[in-house]
Amino acid sequence: MGDKDLRLSITDAISSGFPFILENVENEMDPFLNPILDKQYSIKNRKKTIKLGSEEVEWNDEFYMYCTSRLTNPSWSPEL
């Protein structure tokens, strides 16, 4: 979560369809990830896009995001 290139890494994974592992997640997530967790993509010209911040990224259905935590009993939201 503390990676300075998190946004770039996750946008690359979304557009190319690679799995993404987010390690050391605490109880709170970066609000930047909310559209991904809610799968708020839109369909334009038969392509799925998702708006992350000020940029739109093409959504690849092969993309998966995995979250890990060191917490024994994390209290995450149902979306997560």
N, C-alpha and C. Protein backbone atom coordinates (compact mmCIF):
# COMPACT_ATOMS: atom_id res chain seq x y z
N MET A 1 0.82 -1.20 0.00
CA MET A 1 0.00 0.00 0.00
C MET A 1 0.85 1.26 0.00
N GLY A 2 2.06 1.20 0.48
CA GLY A 2 2.90 2.38 0.56
C GLY A 2 3.74 2.63 -0.68
N ASP A 3 3.54 1.85 -1.72
CA ASP A 3 4.34 1.99 -2.94
C ASP A 3 3.99 3.28 -3.65
N LYS A 4 5.02 4.04 -4.03
CA LYS A 4 4.77 5.32 -4.70
C LYS A 4 4.27 5.13 -6.12
N ASP A 5 4.51 3.97 -6.71
CA ASP A 5 4.07 3.69 -8.08
C ASP A 5 2.83 2.81 -8.12
N LEU A 6 2.05 2.80 -7.04
CA LEU A 6 0.86 1.96 -6.97
C LEU A 6 -0.11 2.27 -8.09
N ARG A 7 -0.38 3.53 -8.33
CA ARG A 7 -1.35 3.92 -9.36
C ARG A 7 -0.90 3.47 -10.75
N LEU A 8 0.35 3.66 -11.06
CA LEU A 8 0.86 3.25 -12.36
C LEU A 8 0.83 1.73 -12.50
N SER A 9 1.22 1.02 -11.46
CA SER A 9 1.24 -0.45 -11.50
C SER A 9 -0.16 -1.03 -11.68
N ILE A 10 -1.12 -0.48 -10.97
CA ILE A 10 -2.47 -1.04 -11.05
C ILE A 10 -3.15 -0.68 -12.37
N THR A 11 -2.89 0.50 -12.91
CA THR A 11 -3.47 0.83 -14.21
C THR A 11 -2.88 -0.04 -15.31
N ASP A 12 -1.59 -0.35 -15.22
CA ASP A 12 -0.98 -1.26 -16.18
C ASP A 12 -1.58 -2.66 -16.09
N ALA A 13 -1.81 -3.13 -14.86
CA ALA A 13 -2.40 -4.46 -14.67
C ALA A 13 -3.83 -4.52 -15.19
N ILE A 14 -4.60 -3.47 -14.98
CA ILE A 14 -5.99 -3.44 -15.44
C ILE A 14 -6.06 -3.49 -16.96
N SER A 15 -5.25 -2.68 -17.61
CA SER A 15 -5.32 -2.61 -19.06
C SER A 15 -4.74 -3.84 -19.75
N SER A 16 -3.77 -4.49 -19.12
CA SER A 16 -3.16 -5.67 -19.75
C SER A 16 -3.77 -6.98 -19.28
N GLY A 17 -4.57 -6.96 -18.21
CA GLY A 17 -5.26 -8.15 -17.76
C GLY A 17 -4.43 -9.04 -16.85
N PHE A 18 -3.42 -8.50 -16.22
CA PHE A 18 -2.59 -9.27 -15.31
C PHE A 18 -3.20 -9.27 -13.91
N PRO A 19 -2.98 -10.32 -13.12
CA PRO A 19 -3.42 -10.29 -11.73
C PRO A 19 -2.56 -9.30 -10.94
N PHE A 20 -3.14 -8.72 -9.90
CA PHE A 20 -2.45 -7.72 -9.09
C PHE A 20 -2.58 -8.11 -7.64
N ILE A 21 -1.47 -8.18 -6.94
CA ILE A 21 -1.47 -8.53 -5.51
C ILE A 21 -1.17 -7.27 -4.71
N LEU A 22 -2.09 -6.94 -3.83
CA LEU A 22 -1.94 -5.79 -2.95
C LEU A 22 -1.65 -6.32 -1.56
N GLU A 23 -0.41 -6.12 -1.10
CA GLU A 23 0.02 -6.70 0.18
C GLU A 23 -0.07 -5.69 1.31
N ASN A 24 -0.14 -6.22 2.53
CA ASN A 24 -0.13 -5.43 3.76
C ASN A 24 -1.27 -4.43 3.81
N VAL A 25 -2.46 -4.86 3.46
CA VAL A 25 -3.64 -4.00 3.50
C VAL A 25 -4.11 -3.91 4.95
N GLU A 26 -4.34 -2.69 5.39
CA GLU A 26 -4.88 -2.48 6.73
C GLU A 26 -6.40 -2.39 6.63
N ASN A 27 -7.05 -1.82 7.63
CA ASN A 27 -8.50 -1.71 7.61
C ASN A 27 -9.00 -0.69 6.60
N GLU A 28 -8.20 0.29 6.27
CA GLU A 28 -8.60 1.33 5.34
C GLU A 28 -7.88 1.16 4.02
N MET A 29 -8.61 1.44 2.93
CA MET A 29 -8.04 1.37 1.59
C MET A 29 -7.93 2.79 1.02
N ASP A 30 -7.06 2.95 0.07
CA ASP A 30 -6.92 4.22 -0.64
C ASP A 30 -8.20 4.47 -1.43
N PRO A 31 -8.81 5.64 -1.34
CA PRO A 31 -10.03 5.93 -2.09
C PRO A 31 -9.85 5.80 -3.61
N PHE A 32 -8.62 5.85 -4.07
CA PHE A 32 -8.32 5.65 -5.48
C PHE A 32 -8.79 4.27 -5.96
N LEU A 33 -8.84 3.29 -5.06
CA LEU A 33 -9.21 1.92 -5.42
C LEU A 33 -10.71 1.66 -5.39
N ASN A 34 -11.51 2.59 -4.91
CA ASN A 34 -12.96 2.37 -4.81
C ASN A 34 -13.62 2.01 -6.14
N PRO A 35 -13.33 2.68 -7.25
CA PRO A 35 -13.97 2.28 -8.51
C PRO A 35 -13.62 0.85 -8.92
N ILE A 36 -12.43 0.40 -8.57
CA ILE A 36 -12.02 -0.98 -8.90
C ILE A 36 -12.80 -1.96 -8.04
N LEU A 37 -12.90 -1.67 -6.75
CA LEU A 37 -13.61 -2.57 -5.84
C LEU A 37 -15.10 -2.66 -6.18
N ASP A 38 -15.67 -1.54 -6.62
CA ASP A 38 -17.09 -1.51 -6.97
C ASP A 38 -17.34 -1.91 -8.43
N LYS A 39 -16.26 -2.12 -9.17
CA LYS A 39 -16.34 -2.45 -10.60
C LYS A 39 -17.20 -1.43 -11.34
N GLN A 40 -16.85 -0.17 -11.18
CA GLN A 40 -17.59 0.93 -11.79
C GLN A 40 -17.06 1.22 -13.19
N TYR A 41 -17.09 0.24 -14.03
CA TYR A 41 -16.65 0.47 -15.40
C TYR A 41 -17.84 0.81 -16.27
N SER A 42 -17.55 1.47 -17.37
CA SER A 42 -18.59 1.81 -18.33
C SER A 42 -18.20 1.23 -19.69
N ILE A 43 -19.19 1.04 -20.54
CA ILE A 43 -18.96 0.46 -21.85
C ILE A 43 -19.09 1.56 -22.90
N LYS A 44 -18.01 1.77 -23.64
CA LYS A 44 -17.98 2.76 -24.72
C LYS A 44 -17.39 2.09 -25.95
N ASN A 45 -18.14 2.10 -27.03
CA ASN A 45 -17.67 1.50 -28.29
C ASN A 45 -17.24 0.05 -28.10
N ARG A 46 -18.05 -0.71 -27.37
CA ARG A 46 -17.81 -2.13 -27.09
C ARG A 46 -16.57 -2.40 -26.24
N LYS A 47 -16.03 -1.38 -25.62
CA LYS A 47 -14.88 -1.54 -24.74
C LYS A 47 -15.24 -1.06 -23.35
N LYS A 48 -14.80 -1.80 -22.35
CA LYS A 48 -15.04 -1.41 -20.97
C LYS A 48 -13.92 -0.48 -20.53
N THR A 49 -14.28 0.62 -19.92
CA THR A 49 -13.30 1.55 -19.36
C THR A 49 -13.69 1.86 -17.93
N ILE A 50 -12.69 2.17 -17.14
CA ILE A 50 -12.92 2.55 -15.75
C ILE A 50 -12.18 3.86 -15.50
N LYS A 51 -12.81 4.74 -14.75
CA LYS A 51 -12.21 6.05 -14.47
C LYS A 51 -11.49 5.97 -13.13
N LEU A 52 -10.18 6.16 -13.18
CA LEU A 52 -9.34 6.15 -11.98
C LEU A 52 -8.71 7.53 -11.85
N GLY A 53 -9.22 8.29 -10.91
CA GLY A 53 -8.75 9.66 -10.76
C GLY A 53 -9.20 10.48 -11.95
N SER A 54 -8.25 11.04 -12.67
CA SER A 54 -8.59 11.87 -13.82
C SER A 54 -8.40 11.13 -15.15
N GLU A 55 -7.93 9.89 -15.10
CA GLU A 55 -7.68 9.17 -16.34
C GLU A 55 -8.62 7.97 -16.50
N GLU A 56 -8.93 7.64 -17.74
CA GLU A 56 -9.75 6.48 -18.04
C GLU A 56 -8.85 5.36 -18.53
N VAL A 57 -9.06 4.16 -17.99
CA VAL A 57 -8.23 3.01 -18.30
C VAL A 57 -9.13 1.95 -18.92
N GLU A 58 -8.65 1.31 -19.98
CA GLU A 58 -9.42 0.24 -20.59
C GLU A 58 -9.39 -0.98 -19.67
N TRP A 59 -10.57 -1.53 -19.40
CA TRP A 59 -10.74 -2.66 -18.48
C TRP A 59 -10.60 -3.96 -19.24
N ASN A 60 -9.73 -4.83 -18.77
CA ASN A 60 -9.56 -6.16 -19.32
C ASN A 60 -10.21 -7.15 -18.36
N ASP A 61 -11.10 -8.01 -18.87
CA ASP A 61 -11.82 -8.95 -18.00
C ASP A 61 -10.92 -9.99 -17.36
N GLU A 62 -9.69 -10.11 -17.80
CA GLU A 62 -8.74 -11.06 -17.20
C GLU A 62 -8.10 -10.51 -15.93
N PHE A 63 -8.33 -9.25 -15.61
CA PHE A 63 -7.74 -8.60 -14.44
C PHE A 63 -8.40 -9.11 -13.16
N TYR A 64 -7.57 -9.47 -12.19
CA TYR A 64 -8.01 -9.82 -10.85
C TYR A 64 -7.11 -9.12 -9.85
N MET A 65 -7.69 -8.68 -8.74
CA MET A 65 -6.91 -8.06 -7.69
C MET A 65 -7.06 -8.89 -6.42
N TYR A 66 -5.92 -9.24 -5.83
CA TYR A 66 -5.88 -10.00 -4.59
C TYR A 66 -5.32 -9.11 -3.50
N CYS A 67 -5.93 -9.16 -2.32
CA CYS A 67 -5.48 -8.35 -1.19
C CYS A 67 -5.07 -9.27 -0.05
N THR A 68 -3.92 -8.99 0.54
CA THR A 68 -3.46 -9.75 1.70
C THR A 68 -3.25 -8.79 2.86
N SER A 69 -3.31 -9.34 4.07
CA SER A 69 -3.15 -8.53 5.26
C SER A 69 -2.41 -9.34 6.32
N ARG A 70 -1.73 -8.65 7.19
CA ARG A 70 -1.10 -9.29 8.34
C ARG A 70 -2.06 -9.36 9.53
N LEU A 71 -3.19 -8.67 9.42
CA LEU A 71 -4.15 -8.64 10.51
C LEU A 71 -4.80 -10.01 10.66
N THR A 72 -5.00 -10.46 11.89
CA THR A 72 -5.61 -11.77 12.11
C THR A 72 -7.09 -11.77 11.81
N ASN A 73 -7.77 -10.68 12.08
CA ASN A 73 -9.20 -10.60 11.82
C ASN A 73 -9.54 -9.21 11.27
N PRO A 74 -9.24 -8.96 10.01
CA PRO A 74 -9.50 -7.62 9.47
C PRO A 74 -11.00 -7.35 9.34
N SER A 75 -11.37 -6.10 9.56
CA SER A 75 -12.78 -5.72 9.40
C SER A 75 -12.92 -4.91 8.13
N TRP A 76 -12.93 -5.61 7.00
CA TRP A 76 -13.02 -4.98 5.71
C TRP A 76 -14.48 -4.83 5.29
N SER A 77 -14.70 -3.92 4.38
CA SER A 77 -16.04 -3.73 3.84
C SER A 77 -16.41 -4.92 2.97
N PRO A 78 -17.69 -5.17 2.73
CA PRO A 78 -18.10 -6.32 1.90
C PRO A 78 -17.55 -6.25 0.46
N GLU A 79 -17.33 -5.05 -0.07
CA GLU A 79 -16.80 -4.92 -1.42
C GLU A 79 -15.39 -5.49 -1.52
N LEU A 80 -14.63 -5.28 -0.46
CA LEU A 80 -13.24 -5.73 -0.45
C LEU A 80 -13.18 -7.22 -0.26
